Amino acid sequence: MVEIQIMKREEKKLELKEPTINQTNENCQVFNGPISGCVFAMPGATVNQSPVQKVNSAKLAPPQQSIINNQERNEEQFHFVHPEVGEEEAWQIHNAVKRLVKHQKVLDICIYLNDLKTKGKVLLPQSPSIAYKELLRMGMPSGEGYSEKYFSGCYLK
């Protein structure tokens, strides 16, 4: 049932002539047969092998570039990104601020913006109402705990 082939430098390769499936317990099955690559499947799932297809990598654009191009067309970038920051880093800052305003409280948002300001990544306006309107545009809620008055108390402190 098992065939052993001698390879260079005394390496041995095991090949099974007949694929077999062994039930080790109710949650795990072991497949012994010719498989290329690594395959994981849930119990009861069917695993099909297909030949590897070669893709010309010159035709594919880097995924990061396509994401940036899509964002440029679909939404306006965060207004306060420093002009000397590169395009890719500017979109990373945009995405970080967008995530932050949707999931964090006003105090955390202000701390993060101050941190970006000290690192020279953003230029923040002196007027808190301008910054507040921009953060609302980016997706910050305007309900309880997110009022402009409370934001003004935390901004640039």
Foldseek 3Di string as FASTA:
>chain_A
DWDWDQDPPRDIDIADPDWDWDDPDPWDIDIHHDDPDDDDDTPPDDDDDDDDDDDDCVPDDPPLVVVLVVCVVPDDFQPFFAPVDDSSVSVVVRVVLLVDLQPHALLVSQVVVVVCVVVVGGDDDPDLVVVLVSSVVSPHDCDPRSPSVVNVVNHPD
